[in-house]
């Protein structure tokens, strides 16, 4: 597969989730929109590390966030996870990932304390005094779009990154063609 075809495949994969997120935001399904953005991030993380697993690892997602979603990936919220209070959270991306993988976006706001909102403000993730977290879906989706553009730009320039993405693409083709 050529690099241009690979980039088109990755862009199409991410764009499907991004378009779904925009539609869900328009109809005020903020939790579902956030879930679509998380699915897109997870898909891109698989290409970023060249994953040969059906679902990319948490480490892959966090590595992608550190590189391409700086407002999430490099922020240390100084918190611990509710289910594992002695395990420190390394980044806001980890908080969002845990809520996503735990199925906590499905109902909007569950016992985890993660609530997805559209606050019409620029903040993305807020930690409240009661220990809950609020994810502002509009800046989250905008950060994803900026990260996607940067990732696609890097794929055009970086042969090693394109090779990793190519491994992921080949794995997915073999997995789904069986």
Protein backbone atom coordinates (compact mmCIF):
# COMPACT_ATOMS: atom_id res chain seq x y z
CA UNK A 1 0.00 0.00 0.00
CA UNK A 2 1.33 3.44 -0.85
CA UNK A 3 1.80 6.07 1.84
CA UNK A 4 -0.96 8.17 0.24
CA UNK A 5 -3.36 5.20 0.42
CA UNK A 6 -2.38 4.55 4.02
CA UNK A 7 -2.99 8.18 4.97
CA UNK A 8 -6.35 8.11 3.18
CA UNK A 9 -7.31 4.95 5.11
CA UNK A 10 -6.38 6.51 8.44
CA UNK A 11 -8.11 9.78 7.62
CA UNK A 12 -11.30 7.94 6.59
CA UNK A 13 -11.29 5.88 9.78
CA UNK A 14 -10.88 8.94 12.01
CA UNK A 15 -13.30 11.05 9.96
CA UNK A 16 -16.15 8.56 10.41
CA UNK A 17 -15.90 8.92 14.18
CA UNK A 18 -15.39 12.69 13.99
CA UNK A 19 -18.45 13.17 11.79
CA UNK A 20 -20.50 11.01 14.15
CA UNK A 21 -19.26 13.09 17.09
CA UNK A 22 -20.27 16.34 15.37
CA UNK A 23 -23.74 14.95 14.65
CA UNK A 24 -24.14 13.74 18.24
CA UNK A 25 -23.02 17.10 19.61
CA UNK A 26 -25.63 18.81 17.41
CA UNK A 27 -28.39 16.70 18.96
CA UNK A 28 -27.01 17.14 22.49
CA UNK A 29 -25.84 13.55 22.93
CA UNK A 30 -22.62 14.71 24.53
CA UNK A 31 -21.61 11.43 26.15
CA UNK A 32 -22.07 9.54 22.87
CA UNK A 33 -20.08 12.22 21.06
CA UNK A 34 -17.23 11.90 23.56
CA UNK A 35 -17.31 8.15 23.08
CA UNK A 36 -16.93 8.59 19.31
CA UNK A 37 -13.92 10.86 19.84
CA UNK A 38 -12.41 8.27 22.18
CA UNK A 39 -12.96 5.54 19.56
CA UNK A 40 -11.20 7.70 16.99
CA UNK A 41 -8.29 8.36 19.36
CA UNK A 42 -8.00 4.65 20.07
CA UNK A 43 -7.99 3.87 16.34
CA UNK A 44 -5.26 6.44 15.66
CA UNK A 45 -3.24 5.17 18.61
CA UNK A 46 -3.19 1.73 16.99
CA UNK A 47 -1.68 3.21 13.83
CA UNK A 48 0.69 5.39 15.86
CA UNK A 49 2.35 2.43 17.56
CA UNK A 50 1.81 -0.17 14.82
CA UNK A 51 -0.35 -2.30 17.11
CA UNK A 52 -1.06 -5.88 16.14
CA UNK A 53 -3.78 -6.24 18.76
CA UNK A 54 -7.46 -6.03 17.98
CA UNK A 55 -7.78 -3.21 20.53
CA UNK A 56 -4.73 -0.98 21.08
CA UNK A 57 -3.39 -0.91 24.61
CA UNK A 58 -3.92 1.81 27.18
CA UNK A 59 -0.22 2.64 26.84
CA UNK A 60 -0.67 3.18 23.09
CA UNK A 61 -3.58 5.55 23.66
CA UNK A 62 -1.67 7.50 26.32
CA UNK A 63 1.42 7.71 24.09
CA UNK A 64 -0.71 9.09 21.25
CA UNK A 65 -2.30 11.59 23.64
CA UNK A 66 1.09 12.79 24.90
CA UNK A 67 2.21 13.46 21.34
CA UNK A 68 -0.93 14.75 19.65
CA UNK A 69 -3.40 15.82 22.37
CA UNK A 70 -1.23 17.99 24.60
CA UNK A 71 -4.07 19.45 26.68
CA UNK A 72 -4.93 15.92 27.77
CA UNK A 73 -1.74 13.96 27.42
CA UNK A 74 0.73 16.02 29.42
CA UNK A 75 -1.41 17.35 32.23
CA UNK A 76 -0.95 15.75 35.64
CA UNK A 77 -4.24 16.23 37.50
CA UNK A 78 -2.74 15.06 40.80
CA UNK A 79 -5.59 12.62 41.35
CA UNK A 80 -6.04 8.91 41.93
CA UNK A 81 -8.53 6.66 40.18
CA UNK A 82 -11.70 5.94 42.16
CA UNK A 83 -11.46 2.17 41.78
CA UNK A 84 -7.76 2.18 42.68
CA UNK A 85 -7.30 5.08 45.10
CA UNK A 86 -3.59 4.39 45.63
CA UNK A 87 -2.82 4.48 41.91
CA UNK A 88 -1.92 8.00 40.86
CA UNK A 89 -3.27 9.27 37.55
CA UNK A 90 -0.47 10.32 35.23
CA UNK A 91 -2.51 12.52 32.91
CA UNK A 92 -5.96 13.79 32.12
CA UNK A 93 -5.90 11.43 29.13
CA UNK A 94 -5.76 8.54 31.60
CA UNK A 95 -8.89 9.80 33.36
CA UNK A 96 -10.74 10.06 30.04
CA UNK A 97 -9.44 6.65 28.94
CA UNK A 98 -10.57 4.99 32.15
CA UNK A 99 -14.04 6.49 31.78
CA UNK A 100 -14.20 5.42 28.13
CA UNK A 101 -12.91 1.86 28.61
CA UNK A 102 -15.00 1.42 31.73
CA UNK A 103 -18.11 2.05 29.67
CA UNK A 104 -18.82 5.11 31.73
CA UNK A 105 -19.79 7.37 28.84
CA UNK A 106 -22.62 5.08 27.80
CA UNK A 107 -25.09 6.56 30.26
CA UNK A 108 -23.68 10.06 30.30
CA UNK A 109 -22.70 10.13 33.94
CA UNK A 110 -22.43 7.04 36.09
CA UNK A 111 -21.01 6.20 39.48
CA UNK A 112 -17.52 7.07 38.26
CA UNK A 113 -18.37 10.72 38.51
CA UNK A 114 -17.47 11.52 34.87
CA UNK A 115 -20.02 13.84 33.32
CA UNK A 116 -19.86 14.96 29.68
CA UNK A 117 -21.19 18.45 29.00
CA UNK A 118 -21.18 21.28 26.48
CA UNK A 119 -20.34 24.27 28.63
CA UNK A 120 -19.78 26.74 25.75
CA UNK A 121 -16.41 27.51 27.37
CA UNK A 122 -12.83 26.70 26.40
CA UNK A 123 -11.95 24.40 29.33
CA UNK A 124 -11.78 20.71 28.48
CA UNK A 125 -11.58 18.69 31.70
CA UNK A 126 -12.57 19.91 35.12
CA UNK A 127 -12.10 18.17 38.45
CA UNK A 128 -14.73 19.17 40.97
CA UNK A 129 -14.39 19.45 44.76
CA UNK A 130 -16.58 16.36 45.24
CA UNK A 131 -14.12 14.24 43.25
CA UNK A 132 -16.17 14.12 40.06
CA UNK A 133 -14.84 15.08 36.66
CA UNK A 134 -16.50 17.00 33.84
CA UNK A 135 -15.44 16.64 30.22
CA UNK A 136 -16.40 19.54 27.96
CA UNK A 137 -17.08 17.80 24.65
CA UNK A 138 -16.61 20.73 22.23
CA UNK A 139 -12.97 21.48 23.14
CA UNK A 140 -12.32 17.71 23.41
CA UNK A 141 -13.51 17.19 19.86
CA UNK A 142 -11.59 20.26 18.63
CA UNK A 143 -8.38 18.99 20.30
CA UNK A 144 -8.90 15.66 18.53
CA UNK A 145 -9.26 17.40 15.15
CA UNK A 146 -6.00 19.32 15.71
CA UNK A 147 -4.28 16.09 16.77
CA UNK A 148 -5.55 14.28 13.69
CA UNK A 149 -4.16 16.98 11.39
CA UNK A 150 -0.77 16.82 13.13
CA UNK A 151 -0.71 13.02 12.98
CA UNK A 152 -1.53 13.00 9.24
CA UNK A 153 1.16 15.64 8.65
CA UNK A 154 3.71 13.51 10.53
CA UNK A 155 2.73 10.41 8.54
CA UNK A 156 3.60 12.25 5.33
CA UNK A 157 7.03 13.27 6.66
CA UNK A 158 8.14 10.39 8.89
CA UNK A 159 8.94 7.07 7.21
CA UNK A 160 9.28 5.20 10.51
CA UNK A 161 5.86 6.38 11.67
CA UNK A 162 4.36 5.44 8.30
CA UNK A 163 5.93 1.97 8.62
CA UNK A 164 4.28 1.48 12.02
CA UNK A 165 0.95 2.63 10.62
CA UNK A 166 1.44 0.26 7.68
CA UNK A 167 1.92 -2.66 10.10
CA UNK A 168 -1.36 -1.78 11.77
CA UNK A 169 -3.13 -1.49 8.44
CA UNK A 170 -1.81 -4.88 7.31
CA UNK A 171 -2.87 -6.45 10.61
CA UNK A 172 -6.37 -5.01 10.30
CA UNK A 173 -6.67 -6.19 6.70
CA UNK A 174 -5.68 -9.74 7.66
CA UNK A 175 -7.91 -9.76 10.73
CA UNK A 176 -11.05 -8.55 9.01
CA UNK A 177 -10.60 -10.46 5.75
CA UNK A 178 -10.65 -13.84 7.49
